[in-house]
């Protein structure tokens, strides 16, 4: 199976509701702000391990939200259409997220 077959969903354009879009962008903006804050702390020699852990938790929360939406839409749609290879794609995605 080549990459285009196993990662078909990554080639799609995702339609999001305005609420979902706003929520995701808000999370990303917060994460971006946290990263800038950590950079400033590193530049000033401050202790920032707790802040780094907070960013990691924020990225994980973002990933969980994306994954849930992906399963409810793309994965469910593909399975209903008989494209069971989507399960393999989902398993691969989960393995990457759990590294």
Protein backbone atom coordinates (compact mmCIF):
# COMPACT_ATOMS: atom_id res chain seq x y z
CA UNK A 1 0.00 0.00 0.00
CA UNK A 2 1.52 3.33 -0.98
CA UNK A 3 1.32 6.52 1.06
CA UNK A 4 -1.57 7.99 -0.94
CA UNK A 5 -3.67 4.93 -0.14
CA UNK A 6 -2.91 4.77 3.58
CA UNK A 7 -3.14 8.50 4.28
CA UNK A 8 -6.11 9.38 2.12
CA UNK A 9 -7.74 11.47 4.85
CA UNK A 10 -4.72 13.77 5.07
CA UNK A 11 -5.39 14.69 1.43
CA UNK A 12 -8.93 15.87 2.19
CA UNK A 13 -10.04 19.35 3.04
CA UNK A 14 -11.75 19.33 6.43
CA UNK A 15 -15.00 21.21 6.72
CA UNK A 16 -15.36 22.64 10.21
CA UNK A 17 -18.22 24.46 11.82
CA UNK A 18 -17.49 28.08 12.74
CA UNK A 19 -17.62 27.05 16.42
CA UNK A 20 -15.15 24.19 15.96
CA UNK A 21 -12.82 26.42 13.93
CA UNK A 22 -12.94 29.17 16.55
CA UNK A 23 -12.27 26.70 19.37
CA UNK A 24 -9.26 25.14 17.61
CA UNK A 25 -7.75 28.50 16.67
CA UNK A 26 -8.22 29.73 20.23
CA UNK A 27 -6.35 26.68 21.56
CA UNK A 28 -3.55 27.18 19.04
CA UNK A 29 -3.25 30.86 19.94
CA UNK A 30 -2.91 29.94 23.62
CA UNK A 31 -0.26 27.33 22.82
CA UNK A 32 1.61 29.85 20.68
CA UNK A 33 1.54 32.34 23.55
CA UNK A 34 2.81 29.71 25.97
CA UNK A 35 5.69 28.88 23.61
CA UNK A 36 6.61 32.57 23.32
CA UNK A 37 6.54 32.81 27.11
CA UNK A 38 8.87 29.84 27.47
CA UNK A 39 11.23 31.33 24.91
CA UNK A 40 11.40 34.54 26.94
CA UNK A 41 12.04 32.54 30.09
CA UNK A 42 14.88 30.61 28.41
CA UNK A 43 16.36 33.85 27.09
CA UNK A 44 16.30 35.35 30.59
CA UNK A 45 17.65 32.19 32.24
CA UNK A 46 14.45 31.47 34.17
CA UNK A 47 13.24 28.06 35.27
CA UNK A 48 10.53 26.92 32.83
CA UNK A 49 10.04 23.17 33.20
CA UNK A 50 6.51 23.56 34.59
CA UNK A 51 5.56 25.84 31.69
CA UNK A 52 7.01 23.35 29.20
CA UNK A 53 4.88 20.59 30.73
CA UNK A 54 1.82 22.85 30.43
CA UNK A 55 2.50 23.32 26.71
CA UNK A 56 2.80 19.57 26.28
CA UNK A 57 -0.56 19.09 28.01
CA UNK A 58 -2.13 21.81 25.84
CA UNK A 59 -0.87 20.18 22.63
CA UNK A 60 -2.18 16.81 23.82
CA UNK A 61 -5.60 18.34 24.50
CA UNK A 62 -5.58 19.88 21.02
CA UNK A 63 -4.68 16.49 19.50
CA UNK A 64 -7.48 14.76 21.42
CA UNK A 65 -9.99 17.25 20.09
CA UNK A 66 -8.76 16.82 16.51
CA UNK A 67 -8.73 13.04 16.84
CA UNK A 68 -12.26 12.91 18.21
CA UNK A 69 -13.55 15.03 15.34
CA UNK A 70 -11.61 12.90 12.84
CA UNK A 71 -13.11 9.68 14.19
CA UNK A 72 -16.65 11.08 14.21
CA UNK A 73 -16.39 12.32 10.63
CA UNK A 74 -13.72 10.89 8.29
CA UNK A 75 -13.27 7.52 9.98
CA UNK A 76 -16.98 6.85 10.49
CA UNK A 77 -17.74 7.93 6.91
CA UNK A 78 -15.05 5.66 5.45
CA UNK A 79 -16.11 2.65 7.51
CA UNK A 80 -19.76 3.13 6.46
CA UNK A 81 -18.54 3.26 2.86
CA UNK A 82 -16.72 -0.06 3.33
CA UNK A 83 -13.21 1.41 3.35
CA UNK A 84 -11.92 -0.69 6.23
CA UNK A 85 -8.31 0.34 5.49
CA UNK A 86 -9.19 3.51 7.35
CA UNK A 87 -8.93 1.49 10.55
CA UNK A 88 -5.27 0.82 9.76
CA UNK A 89 -4.76 4.54 9.16
CA UNK A 90 -6.39 5.32 12.51
CA UNK A 91 -4.20 2.78 14.30
CA UNK A 92 -1.09 4.31 12.71
CA UNK A 93 -2.21 7.79 13.76
CA UNK A 94 -2.85 6.64 17.33
CA UNK A 95 0.59 5.01 17.49
CA UNK A 96 2.21 8.29 16.37
CA UNK A 97 0.27 10.28 18.96
CA UNK A 98 1.22 7.88 21.76
CA UNK A 99 4.99 8.03 21.19
